[in-house]
Amino acid sequence: MNPIFTHTQYVVRKKILTVLGAKFHIYDNNEQLVMFSQMKAFKLKEDIRLYSDESMQQELITIQARSAIDFSATYDVVDAVTRENLGSLRRKGMKSILKDEWIILNSNEQEVGLIKEDSAALALLRRFLTNLVPQKFHGEIDGRTVVEFQQNFNPMVSKLNVDFSANTNKQLDPRLGLAAAVLLLAIEGNQS
């Protein structure tokens, strides 16, 4: 596996004030840029590409929505180098109205885990009063937490700390976990 995906902690930053779509920078725990994405604005069907750097010469991961404008959309995640299907992430549509939830599917379309927003009370506060309350998620496989996502509030840059420390048995492929982090910032970050 590419050494980019062997770190236990990452920071994903999304620049908010961009005219032509969102820009995502992914840093390792040494604050070195390990991936970059520029998401185009006004697309009906999401197609996110993660590259090794801002030159966008080496594509590493693709995240593609199966359908256009779907409240319960499924996003397929593929290693762009090996063409390996890493699995999929499906937003739990109606359930995500009150508290965000995503289903983690393996490459055989079997449900293997969930990514859930930690606090229903804070989720309701964020949706109905203010989006200044940071989100916190945890991802679990077989009922065991394997990754945590903690958003930091900054009015100019959305920042998500991703921690794979609990993924000791490598139950969650970090490439799928990082794709989830980008989706959390791209999709959940736009809804309040």
N, C-alpha and C. Protein backbone atom coordinates (compact mmCIF):
# COMPACT_ATOMS: atom_id res chain seq x y z
N MET A 1 0.85 -1.18 0.00
CA MET A 1 0.00 0.00 0.00
C MET A 1 0.90 1.25 0.00
N ASN A 2 0.44 2.26 -0.70
CA ASN A 2 1.16 3.52 -0.77
C ASN A 2 1.38 4.07 0.65
N PRO A 3 2.60 4.53 0.99
CA PRO A 3 2.88 5.05 2.34
C PRO A 3 1.99 6.22 2.74
N ILE A 4 1.39 6.89 1.79
CA ILE A 4 0.46 8.00 2.08
C ILE A 4 -0.66 7.51 2.99
N PHE A 5 -1.05 6.24 2.85
CA PHE A 5 -2.21 5.71 3.56
C PHE A 5 -1.85 4.95 4.82
N THR A 6 -0.64 5.13 5.33
CA THR A 6 -0.23 4.39 6.52
C THR A 6 -0.21 5.23 7.80
N HIS A 7 -0.57 6.49 7.73
CA HIS A 7 -0.58 7.35 8.91
C HIS A 7 -1.81 7.07 9.77
N THR A 8 -1.70 7.38 11.05
CA THR A 8 -2.86 7.20 11.93
C THR A 8 -3.70 8.47 12.03
N GLN A 9 -3.12 9.61 11.70
CA GLN A 9 -3.87 10.86 11.79
C GLN A 9 -3.67 11.70 10.54
N TYR A 10 -4.77 12.37 10.15
CA TYR A 10 -4.76 13.25 8.99
C TYR A 10 -5.59 14.49 9.33
N VAL A 11 -5.37 15.54 8.57
CA VAL A 11 -6.22 16.72 8.64
C VAL A 11 -6.70 17.00 7.22
N VAL A 12 -8.01 17.11 7.05
CA VAL A 12 -8.60 17.43 5.75
C VAL A 12 -9.13 18.85 5.86
N ARG A 13 -8.69 19.71 4.95
CA ARG A 13 -9.13 21.11 4.94
C ARG A 13 -9.88 21.41 3.65
N LYS A 14 -11.00 22.08 3.80
CA LYS A 14 -11.80 22.50 2.65
C LYS A 14 -11.86 24.01 2.65
N LYS A 15 -11.34 24.61 1.59
CA LYS A 15 -11.44 26.06 1.46
C LYS A 15 -12.87 26.42 1.09
N ILE A 16 -13.45 27.32 1.84
CA ILE A 16 -14.86 27.66 1.67
C ILE A 16 -15.07 28.71 0.59
N LEU A 17 -14.26 29.72 0.55
CA LEU A 17 -14.48 30.82 -0.38
C LEU A 17 -13.74 30.61 -1.70
N THR A 18 -14.18 29.63 -2.46
CA THR A 18 -13.61 29.41 -3.79
C THR A 18 -14.74 29.55 -4.81
N VAL A 19 -14.45 30.19 -5.91
CA VAL A 19 -15.47 30.49 -6.92
C VAL A 19 -15.83 29.28 -7.77
N LEU A 20 -14.85 28.49 -8.13
CA LEU A 20 -15.08 27.40 -9.08
C LEU A 20 -15.24 26.04 -8.43
N GLY A 21 -15.69 26.00 -7.19
CA GLY A 21 -15.86 24.74 -6.48
C GLY A 21 -14.99 24.70 -5.25
N ALA A 22 -15.01 23.56 -4.58
CA ALA A 22 -14.26 23.41 -3.33
C ALA A 22 -12.88 22.84 -3.59
N LYS A 23 -11.93 23.22 -2.75
CA LYS A 23 -10.59 22.66 -2.78
C LYS A 23 -10.35 21.95 -1.46
N PHE A 24 -9.85 20.71 -1.55
CA PHE A 24 -9.55 19.92 -0.37
C PHE A 24 -8.05 19.65 -0.32
N HIS A 25 -7.47 19.90 0.84
CA HIS A 25 -6.06 19.58 1.08
C HIS A 25 -6.04 18.56 2.22
N ILE A 26 -5.33 17.45 2.03
CA ILE A 26 -5.22 16.42 3.05
C ILE A 26 -3.76 16.35 3.50
N TYR A 27 -3.56 16.52 4.81
CA TYR A 27 -2.22 16.54 5.39
C TYR A 27 -2.05 15.35 6.31
N ASP A 28 -0.81 14.84 6.39
CA ASP A 28 -0.53 13.76 7.34
C ASP A 28 -0.26 14.36 8.72
N ASN A 29 0.09 13.52 9.69
CA ASN A 29 0.32 14.02 11.05
C ASN A 29 1.60 14.83 11.17
N ASN A 30 2.41 14.90 10.11
CA ASN A 30 3.60 15.78 10.08
C ASN A 30 3.32 17.08 9.34
N GLU A 31 2.04 17.32 9.05
CA GLU A 31 1.59 18.52 8.34
C GLU A 31 2.13 18.62 6.92
N GLN A 32 2.41 17.46 6.32
CA GLN A 32 2.85 17.40 4.93
C GLN A 32 1.64 17.11 4.05
N LEU A 33 1.51 17.83 2.95
CA LEU A 33 0.41 17.59 2.01
C LEU A 33 0.58 16.21 1.40
N VAL A 34 -0.46 15.36 1.52
CA VAL A 34 -0.39 14.02 0.93
C VAL A 34 -1.42 13.82 -0.17
N MET A 35 -2.48 14.64 -0.18
CA MET A 35 -3.49 14.56 -1.24
C MET A 35 -4.17 15.91 -1.43
N PHE A 36 -4.70 16.08 -2.65
CA PHE A 36 -5.38 17.32 -3.01
C PHE A 36 -6.55 16.99 -3.94
N SER A 37 -7.61 17.78 -3.83
CA SER A 37 -8.74 17.63 -4.75
C SER A 37 -9.35 19.00 -5.01
N GLN A 38 -9.77 19.17 -6.23
CA GLN A 38 -10.52 20.38 -6.59
C GLN A 38 -11.85 19.90 -7.14
N MET A 39 -12.90 20.11 -6.37
CA MET A 39 -14.23 19.66 -6.74
C MET A 39 -14.90 20.75 -7.57
N LYS A 40 -15.41 20.39 -8.73
CA LYS A 40 -16.04 21.37 -9.60
C LYS A 40 -17.41 21.76 -9.05
N ALA A 41 -17.74 23.04 -9.21
CA ALA A 41 -19.05 23.54 -8.77
C ALA A 41 -20.13 23.18 -9.78
N PHE A 42 -21.36 23.16 -9.32
CA PHE A 42 -22.54 23.00 -10.16
C PHE A 42 -22.60 21.66 -10.90
N LYS A 43 -22.13 20.60 -10.28
CA LYS A 43 -22.22 19.27 -10.90
C LYS A 43 -23.44 18.56 -10.32
N LEU A 44 -24.22 17.93 -11.19
CA LEU A 44 -25.39 17.19 -10.73
C LEU A 44 -25.01 15.84 -10.14
N LYS A 45 -23.94 15.26 -10.64
CA LYS A 45 -23.49 13.95 -10.16
C LYS A 45 -22.05 14.11 -9.68
N GLU A 46 -21.85 13.91 -8.38
CA GLU A 46 -20.53 14.11 -7.79
C GLU A 46 -19.50 13.16 -8.37
N ASP A 47 -18.35 13.70 -8.68
CA ASP A 47 -17.20 12.94 -9.18
C ASP A 47 -15.96 13.62 -8.59
N ILE A 48 -15.48 13.07 -7.49
CA ILE A 48 -14.37 13.68 -6.76
C ILE A 48 -13.12 12.86 -7.02
N ARG A 49 -12.05 13.53 -7.37
CA ARG A 49 -10.76 12.87 -7.63
C ARG A 49 -9.75 13.39 -6.62
N LEU A 50 -9.05 12.47 -5.96
CA LEU A 50 -8.00 12.84 -5.02
C LEU A 50 -6.65 12.57 -5.67
N TYR A 51 -5.80 13.59 -5.67
CA TYR A 51 -4.49 13.52 -6.31
C TYR A 51 -3.38 13.59 -5.27
N SER A 52 -2.17 13.25 -5.68
CA SER A 52 -1.03 13.25 -4.75
C SER A 52 -0.61 14.67 -4.37
N ASP A 53 -0.92 15.67 -5.21
CA ASP A 53 -0.57 17.07 -4.89
C ASP A 53 -1.38 18.02 -5.76
N GLU A 54 -1.11 19.30 -5.63
CA GLU A 54 -1.88 20.32 -6.35
C GLU A 54 -1.65 20.34 -7.85
N SER A 55 -0.60 19.68 -8.34
CA SER A 55 -0.39 19.62 -9.79
C SER A 55 -1.44 18.72 -10.45
N MET A 56 -2.08 17.86 -9.68
CA MET A 56 -3.12 16.93 -10.13
C MET A 56 -2.64 16.03 -11.27
N GLN A 57 -1.39 15.63 -11.19
CA GLN A 57 -0.81 14.74 -12.20
C GLN A 57 -1.02 13.27 -11.85
N GLN A 58 -0.95 12.94 -10.55
CA GLN A 58 -1.09 11.54 -10.14
C GLN A 58 -2.39 11.36 -9.36
N GLU A 59 -3.36 10.72 -9.99
CA GLU A 59 -4.64 10.46 -9.36
C GLU A 59 -4.51 9.25 -8.44
N LEU A 60 -5.03 9.37 -7.21
CA LEU A 60 -4.93 8.28 -6.23
C LEU A 60 -6.25 7.59 -5.95
N ILE A 61 -7.32 8.38 -5.77
CA ILE A 61 -8.62 7.83 -5.39
C ILE A 61 -9.71 8.55 -6.18
N THR A 62 -10.72 7.78 -6.62
CA THR A 62 -11.91 8.40 -7.21
C THR A 62 -13.11 8.10 -6.32
N ILE A 63 -13.97 9.08 -6.20
CA ILE A 63 -15.21 8.96 -5.42
C ILE A 63 -16.33 9.39 -6.37
N GLN A 64 -17.18 8.47 -6.76
CA GLN A 64 -18.21 8.79 -7.74
C GLN A 64 -19.59 8.42 -7.24
N ALA A 65 -20.51 9.38 -7.35
CA ALA A 65 -21.91 9.12 -7.02
C ALA A 65 -22.52 8.24 -8.10
N ARG A 66 -23.36 7.32 -7.68
CA ARG A 66 -24.01 6.43 -8.65
C ARG A 66 -25.13 7.13 -9.40
N SER A 67 -25.73 8.13 -8.77
CA SER A 67 -26.84 8.82 -9.43
C SER A 67 -26.77 10.31 -9.13
N ALA A 68 -27.49 11.07 -9.90
CA ALA A 68 -27.53 12.53 -9.72
C ALA A 68 -28.58 12.89 -8.67
N ILE A 69 -28.24 13.85 -7.85
CA ILE A 69 -29.14 14.42 -6.85
C ILE A 69 -30.00 13.36 -6.17
N ASP A 70 -29.40 12.66 -5.24
CA ASP A 70 -30.07 11.59 -4.52
C ASP A 70 -29.84 11.79 -3.03
N PHE A 71 -30.91 11.87 -2.27
CA PHE A 71 -30.84 12.11 -0.83
C PHE A 71 -30.16 10.95 -0.10
N SER A 72 -30.26 9.75 -0.66
CA SER A 72 -29.61 8.57 -0.09
C SER A 72 -28.52 8.07 -1.04
N ALA A 73 -27.73 8.97 -1.52
CA ALA A 73 -26.75 8.65 -2.56
C ALA A 73 -25.72 7.64 -2.08
N THR A 74 -25.26 6.82 -3.03
CA THR A 74 -24.17 5.88 -2.80
C THR A 74 -22.98 6.37 -3.60
N TYR A 75 -21.82 6.39 -2.94
CA TYR A 75 -20.58 6.85 -3.57
C TYR A 75 -19.60 5.69 -3.62
N ASP A 76 -19.19 5.33 -4.83
CA ASP A 76 -18.22 4.25 -5.02
C ASP A 76 -16.82 4.82 -4.90
N VAL A 77 -15.96 4.12 -4.19
CA VAL A 77 -14.58 4.56 -3.95
C VAL A 77 -13.64 3.54 -4.60
N VAL A 78 -12.75 4.06 -5.47
CA VAL A 78 -11.84 3.20 -6.23
C VAL A 78 -10.42 3.73 -6.11
N ASP A 79 -9.47 2.82 -5.94
CA ASP A 79 -8.06 3.19 -5.98
C ASP A 79 -7.73 3.45 -7.45
N ALA A 80 -7.38 4.67 -7.78
CA ALA A 80 -7.16 5.06 -9.18
C ALA A 80 -5.90 4.43 -9.76
N VAL A 81 -4.95 4.04 -8.93
CA VAL A 81 -3.71 3.45 -9.41
C VAL A 81 -3.91 1.97 -9.74
N THR A 82 -4.50 1.21 -8.81
CA THR A 82 -4.66 -0.24 -9.00
C THR A 82 -6.00 -0.61 -9.61
N ARG A 83 -6.95 0.33 -9.65
CA ARG A 83 -8.34 0.13 -10.12
C ARG A 83 -9.13 -0.77 -9.15
N GLU A 84 -8.60 -0.96 -7.95
CA GLU A 84 -9.27 -1.78 -6.94
C GLU A 84 -10.51 -1.06 -6.40
N ASN A 85 -11.63 -1.79 -6.37
CA ASN A 85 -12.86 -1.28 -5.77
C ASN A 85 -12.69 -1.38 -4.26
N LEU A 86 -12.65 -0.23 -3.57
CA LEU A 86 -12.40 -0.20 -2.13
C LEU A 86 -13.67 -0.37 -1.31
N GLY A 87 -14.81 -0.15 -1.93
CA GLY A 87 -16.09 -0.20 -1.25
C GLY A 87 -16.91 1.02 -1.60
N SER A 88 -17.97 1.22 -0.85
CA SER A 88 -18.88 2.33 -1.11
C SER A 88 -19.33 2.96 0.20
N LEU A 89 -19.79 4.18 0.09
CA LEU A 89 -20.36 4.90 1.23
C LEU A 89 -21.75 5.38 0.82
N ARG A 90 -22.75 5.01 1.63
CA ARG A 90 -24.14 5.37 1.31
C ARG A 90 -24.71 6.22 2.43
N ARG A 91 -25.20 7.37 2.06
CA ARG A 91 -25.83 8.26 3.03
C ARG A 91 -27.19 7.72 3.41
N LYS A 92 -27.47 7.66 4.70
CA LYS A 92 -28.79 7.23 5.17
C LYS A 92 -29.72 8.43 5.06
N GLY A 93 -30.43 8.53 3.96
CA GLY A 93 -31.26 9.68 3.62
C GLY A 93 -32.12 10.24 4.72
N MET A 94 -33.25 9.63 5.00
CA MET A 94 -34.20 10.18 5.98
C MET A 94 -33.61 10.21 7.39
N LYS A 95 -32.81 9.22 7.72
CA LYS A 95 -32.21 9.18 9.05
C LYS A 95 -31.23 10.33 9.25
N SER A 96 -30.63 10.79 8.13
CA SER A 96 -29.65 11.88 8.21
C SER A 96 -30.28 13.26 8.34
N ILE A 97 -31.59 13.33 8.33
CA ILE A 97 -32.24 14.63 8.53
C ILE A 97 -31.94 15.14 9.93
N LEU A 98 -32.04 14.27 10.92
CA LEU A 98 -31.81 14.69 12.30
C LEU A 98 -30.36 14.50 12.74
N LYS A 99 -29.77 13.41 12.34
CA LYS A 99 -28.40 13.09 12.75
C LYS A 99 -27.74 12.34 11.59
N ASP A 100 -26.62 12.86 11.10
CA ASP A 100 -25.98 12.29 9.92
C ASP A 100 -25.49 10.87 10.15
N GLU A 101 -25.79 9.99 9.19
CA GLU A 101 -25.32 8.61 9.23
C GLU A 101 -24.98 8.15 7.82
N TRP A 102 -23.91 7.40 7.72
CA TRP A 102 -23.47 6.81 6.47
C TRP A 102 -23.24 5.32 6.68
N ILE A 103 -23.58 4.52 5.68
CA ILE A 103 -23.33 3.08 5.71
C ILE A 103 -22.01 2.82 4.97
N ILE A 104 -21.16 1.99 5.55
CA ILE A 104 -19.93 1.57 4.89
C ILE A 104 -20.20 0.20 4.26
N LEU A 105 -19.99 0.12 2.95
CA LEU A 105 -20.18 -1.13 2.21
C LEU A 105 -18.83 -1.64 1.72
N ASN A 106 -18.64 -2.96 1.76
CA ASN A 106 -17.40 -3.50 1.22
C ASN A 106 -17.51 -3.61 -0.30
N SER A 107 -16.50 -4.13 -0.94
CA SER A 107 -16.49 -4.20 -2.41
C SER A 107 -17.54 -5.17 -2.96
N ASN A 108 -18.12 -5.99 -2.10
CA ASN A 108 -19.19 -6.92 -2.51
C ASN A 108 -20.58 -6.39 -2.19
N GLU A 109 -20.67 -5.07 -1.87
CA GLU A 109 -21.95 -4.42 -1.57
C GLU A 109 -22.57 -4.89 -0.25
N GLN A 110 -21.78 -5.46 0.64
CA GLN A 110 -22.29 -5.89 1.94
C GLN A 110 -22.02 -4.79 2.96
N GLU A 111 -23.03 -4.53 3.79
CA GLU A 111 -22.87 -3.52 4.84
C GLU A 111 -21.92 -4.07 5.90
N VAL A 112 -20.84 -3.30 6.16
CA VAL A 112 -19.85 -3.74 7.14
C VAL A 112 -19.69 -2.75 8.30
N GLY A 113 -20.25 -1.56 8.15
CA GLY A 113 -20.09 -0.58 9.22
C GLY A 113 -20.92 0.66 9.01
N LEU A 114 -20.76 1.59 9.95
CA LEU A 114 -21.49 2.86 9.94
C LEU A 114 -20.56 4.00 10.30
N ILE A 115 -20.88 5.17 9.79
CA ILE A 115 -20.27 6.42 10.25
C ILE A 115 -21.43 7.25 10.78
N LYS A 116 -21.35 7.61 12.06
CA LYS A 116 -22.47 8.30 12.71
C LYS A 116 -22.01 9.58 13.38
N GLU A 117 -22.86 10.59 13.29
CA GLU A 117 -22.64 11.81 14.04
C GLU A 117 -22.85 11.48 15.51
N ASP A 118 -21.97 11.98 16.37
CA ASP A 118 -21.99 11.55 17.77
C ASP A 118 -23.16 12.07 18.59
N SER A 119 -23.55 13.29 18.40
CA SER A 119 -24.55 13.87 19.30
C SER A 119 -25.79 14.34 18.54
N ALA A 120 -26.94 13.72 18.86
CA ALA A 120 -28.21 14.13 18.24
C ALA A 120 -28.58 15.55 18.66
N ALA A 121 -28.33 15.89 19.93
CA ALA A 121 -28.67 17.23 20.42
C ALA A 121 -27.88 18.31 19.69
N LEU A 122 -26.57 18.08 19.52
CA LEU A 122 -25.75 19.07 18.80
C LEU A 122 -26.12 19.11 17.32
N ALA A 123 -26.50 17.97 16.76
CA ALA A 123 -26.92 17.93 15.35
C ALA A 123 -28.17 18.78 15.15
N LEU A 124 -29.14 18.65 16.06
CA LEU A 124 -30.36 19.46 15.97
C LEU A 124 -30.06 20.94 16.15
N LEU A 125 -29.20 21.27 17.09
CA LEU A 125 -28.79 22.65 17.31
C LEU A 125 -28.16 23.22 16.04
N ARG A 126 -27.29 22.46 15.42
CA ARG A 126 -26.59 22.89 14.21
C ARG A 126 -27.58 23.09 13.05
N ARG A 127 -28.56 22.20 12.91
CA ARG A 127 -29.49 22.29 11.79
C ARG A 127 -30.49 23.42 11.94
N PHE A 128 -30.95 23.67 13.16
CA PHE A 128 -32.04 24.61 13.31
C PHE A 128 -31.66 25.96 13.89
N LEU A 129 -30.49 26.09 14.47
CA LEU A 129 -30.11 27.38 15.05
C LEU A 129 -28.83 27.97 14.45
N THR A 130 -27.77 27.20 14.44
CA THR A 130 -26.50 27.75 13.96
C THR A 130 -25.60 26.64 13.42
N ASN A 131 -24.87 26.95 12.39
CA ASN A 131 -23.91 25.96 11.87
C ASN A 131 -22.52 26.20 12.43
N LEU A 132 -22.43 26.97 13.51
CA LEU A 132 -21.15 27.25 14.15
C LEU A 132 -20.72 26.14 15.11
N VAL A 133 -21.59 25.15 15.32
CA VAL A 133 -21.27 24.03 16.20
C VAL A 133 -20.56 22.96 15.38
N PRO A 134 -19.31 22.63 15.72
CA PRO A 134 -18.56 21.63 14.94
C PRO A 134 -19.19 20.24 15.04
N GLN A 135 -19.04 19.47 13.97
CA GLN A 135 -19.54 18.10 13.95
C GLN A 135 -18.46 17.13 14.43
N LYS A 136 -18.93 16.02 15.01
CA LYS A 136 -18.02 14.94 15.40
C LYS A 136 -18.69 13.64 14.98
N PHE A 137 -17.93 12.79 14.30
CA PHE A 137 -18.42 11.50 13.83
C PHE A 137 -17.50 10.41 14.33
N HIS A 138 -18.03 9.21 14.38
CA HIS A 138 -17.17 8.04 14.57
C HIS A 138 -17.61 6.97 13.59
N GLY A 139 -16.61 6.25 13.09
CA GLY A 139 -16.88 5.15 12.17
C GLY A 139 -16.63 3.85 12.88
N GLU A 140 -17.54 2.91 12.67
CA GLU A 140 -17.39 1.63 13.33
C GLU A 140 -17.58 0.48 12.34
N ILE A 141 -16.82 -0.57 12.58
CA ILE A 141 -16.93 -1.82 11.82
C ILE A 141 -17.26 -2.90 12.85
N ASP A 142 -18.30 -3.66 12.58
CA ASP A 142 -18.73 -4.73 13.51
C ASP A 142 -18.93 -4.19 14.93
N GLY A 143 -19.47 -2.98 15.04
CA GLY A 143 -19.77 -2.38 16.34
C GLY A 143 -18.57 -1.81 17.08
N ARG A 144 -17.40 -1.83 16.47
CA ARG A 144 -16.17 -1.35 17.12
C ARG A 144 -15.68 -0.10 16.40
N THR A 145 -15.43 0.98 17.16
CA THR A 145 -14.94 2.22 16.57
C THR A 145 -13.56 2.01 15.96
N VAL A 146 -13.41 2.45 14.69
CA VAL A 146 -12.13 2.29 13.99
C VAL A 146 -11.59 3.63 13.50
N VAL A 147 -12.44 4.67 13.47
CA VAL A 147 -12.00 5.99 13.02
C VAL A 147 -12.89 7.06 13.66
N GLU A 148 -12.27 8.20 13.96
CA GLU A 148 -13.02 9.34 14.48
C GLU A 148 -12.75 10.55 13.60
N PHE A 149 -13.80 11.34 13.38
CA PHE A 149 -13.73 12.56 12.58
C PHE A 149 -14.18 13.72 13.47
N GLN A 150 -13.32 14.69 13.68
CA GLN A 150 -13.63 15.83 14.54
C GLN A 150 -13.46 17.12 13.74
N GLN A 151 -14.55 17.85 13.58
CA GLN A 151 -14.50 19.11 12.84
C GLN A 151 -14.08 20.24 13.77
N ASN A 152 -13.25 21.14 13.27
CA ASN A 152 -12.89 22.35 13.99
C ASN A 152 -13.56 23.52 13.32
N PHE A 153 -14.09 24.45 14.10
CA PHE A 153 -14.74 25.60 13.50
C PHE A 153 -13.72 26.66 13.10
N ASN A 154 -13.85 27.11 11.87
CA ASN A 154 -13.07 28.21 11.32
C ASN A 154 -13.93 28.79 10.21
N PRO A 155 -14.25 30.08 10.23
CA PRO A 155 -15.16 30.65 9.23
C PRO A 155 -14.60 30.64 7.81
N MET A 156 -13.31 30.50 7.62
CA MET A 156 -12.73 30.54 6.28
C MET A 156 -12.37 29.16 5.73
N VAL A 157 -12.09 28.20 6.61
CA VAL A 157 -11.66 26.87 6.18
C VAL A 157 -12.35 25.82 7.06
N SER A 158 -13.05 24.87 6.43
CA SER A 158 -13.58 23.74 7.18
C SER A 158 -12.44 22.76 7.37
N LYS A 159 -12.28 22.28 8.59
CA LYS A 159 -11.16 21.41 8.91
C LYS A 159 -11.69 20.19 9.65
N LEU A 160 -11.27 19.01 9.20
CA LEU A 160 -11.70 17.77 9.82
C LEU A 160 -10.46 16.96 10.21
N ASN A 161 -10.33 16.69 11.51
CA ASN A 161 -9.25 15.84 12.00
C ASN A 161 -9.72 14.39 11.89
N VAL A 162 -8.90 13.56 11.29
CA VAL A 162 -9.25 12.16 11.07
C VAL A 162 -8.25 11.32 11.86
N ASP A 163 -8.77 10.46 12.74
CA ASP A 163 -7.91 9.67 13.61
C ASP A 163 -8.20 8.17 13.45
N PHE A 164 -7.23 7.45 12.90
CA PHE A 164 -7.33 6.01 12.68
C PHE A 164 -6.64 5.22 13.80
N SER A 165 -6.33 5.83 14.94
CA SER A 165 -5.61 5.15 16.02
C SER A 165 -6.32 3.87 16.48
N ALA A 166 -7.64 3.88 16.47
CA ALA A 166 -8.40 2.71 16.94
C ALA A 166 -8.50 1.60 15.88
N ASN A 167 -7.97 1.86 14.68
CA ASN A 167 -8.06 0.90 13.58
C ASN A 167 -6.88 -0.08 13.62
N THR A 168 -6.63 -0.64 14.80
CA THR A 168 -5.44 -1.46 15.01
C THR A 168 -5.44 -2.75 14.20
N ASN A 169 -6.62 -3.32 13.94
CA ASN A 169 -6.71 -4.55 13.16
C ASN A 169 -6.91 -4.28 11.67
N LYS A 170 -6.81 -3.01 11.28
CA LYS A 170 -6.96 -2.61 9.87
C LYS A 170 -8.29 -3.09 9.29
N GLN A 171 -9.35 -3.00 10.09
CA GLN A 171 -10.67 -3.38 9.62
C GLN A 171 -11.19 -2.42 8.56
N LEU A 172 -10.82 -1.15 8.66
CA LEU A 172 -11.24 -0.14 7.69
C LEU A 172 -10.04 0.27 6.85
N ASP A 173 -10.17 0.13 5.55
CA ASP A 173 -9.12 0.57 4.64
C ASP A 173 -9.02 2.09 4.77
N PRO A 174 -7.83 2.64 5.08
CA PRO A 174 -7.70 4.08 5.27
C PRO A 174 -8.08 4.89 4.02
N ARG A 175 -7.96 4.29 2.85
CA ARG A 175 -8.36 4.99 1.62
C ARG A 175 -9.87 5.24 1.64
N LEU A 176 -10.63 4.26 2.11
CA LEU A 176 -12.08 4.42 2.22
C LEU A 176 -12.42 5.41 3.33
N GLY A 177 -11.67 5.37 4.43
CA GLY A 177 -11.88 6.31 5.52
C GLY A 177 -11.59 7.75 5.11
N LEU A 178 -10.54 7.96 4.32
CA LEU A 178 -10.22 9.32 3.85
C LEU A 178 -11.25 9.80 2.83
N ALA A 179 -11.75 8.89 2.01
CA ALA A 179 -12.84 9.26 1.09
C ALA A 179 -14.07 9.69 1.89
N ALA A 180 -14.34 8.99 2.99
CA ALA A 180 -15.46 9.37 3.86
C ALA A 180 -15.25 10.76 4.44
N ALA A 181 -14.02 11.07 4.84
CA ALA A 181 -13.73 12.40 5.40
C ALA A 181 -14.02 13.50 4.38
N VAL A 182 -13.61 13.27 3.13
CA VAL A 182 -13.87 14.27 2.08
C VAL A 182 -15.37 14.41 1.87
N LEU A 183 -16.09 13.30 1.83
CA LEU A 183 -17.54 13.37 1.67
C LEU A 183 -18.22 14.07 2.84
N LEU A 184 -17.74 13.83 4.05
CA LEU A 184 -18.32 14.52 5.21
C LEU A 184 -18.19 16.02 5.07
N LEU A 185 -17.04 16.49 4.60
CA LEU A 185 -16.85 17.93 4.41
C LEU A 185 -17.62 18.43 3.19
N ALA A 186 -17.66 17.65 2.13
CA ALA A 186 -18.29 18.09 0.88
C ALA A 186 -19.81 18.06 0.97
N ILE A 187 -20.38 17.00 1.51
CA ILE A 187 -21.84 16.81 1.52
C ILE A 187 -22.45 17.34 2.81
N GLU A 188 -22.01 16.83 3.95
CA GLU A 188 -22.60 17.25 5.23
C GLU A 188 -22.29 18.70 5.52
N GLY A 189 -21.14 19.17 5.10
CA GLY A 189 -20.76 20.55 5.37
C GLY A 189 -21.57 21.58 4.62
N ASN A 190 -22.36 21.16 3.64
CA ASN A 190 -23.15 22.10 2.83
C ASN A 190 -24.61 22.15 3.21
N GLN A 191 -25.03 21.43 4.24
CA GLN A 191 -26.47 21.27 4.42
C GLN A 191 -27.11 22.14 5.48
N SER A 192 -26.42 22.88 6.32
CA SER A 192 -27.11 23.56 7.40
C SER A 192 -27.91 24.74 6.95
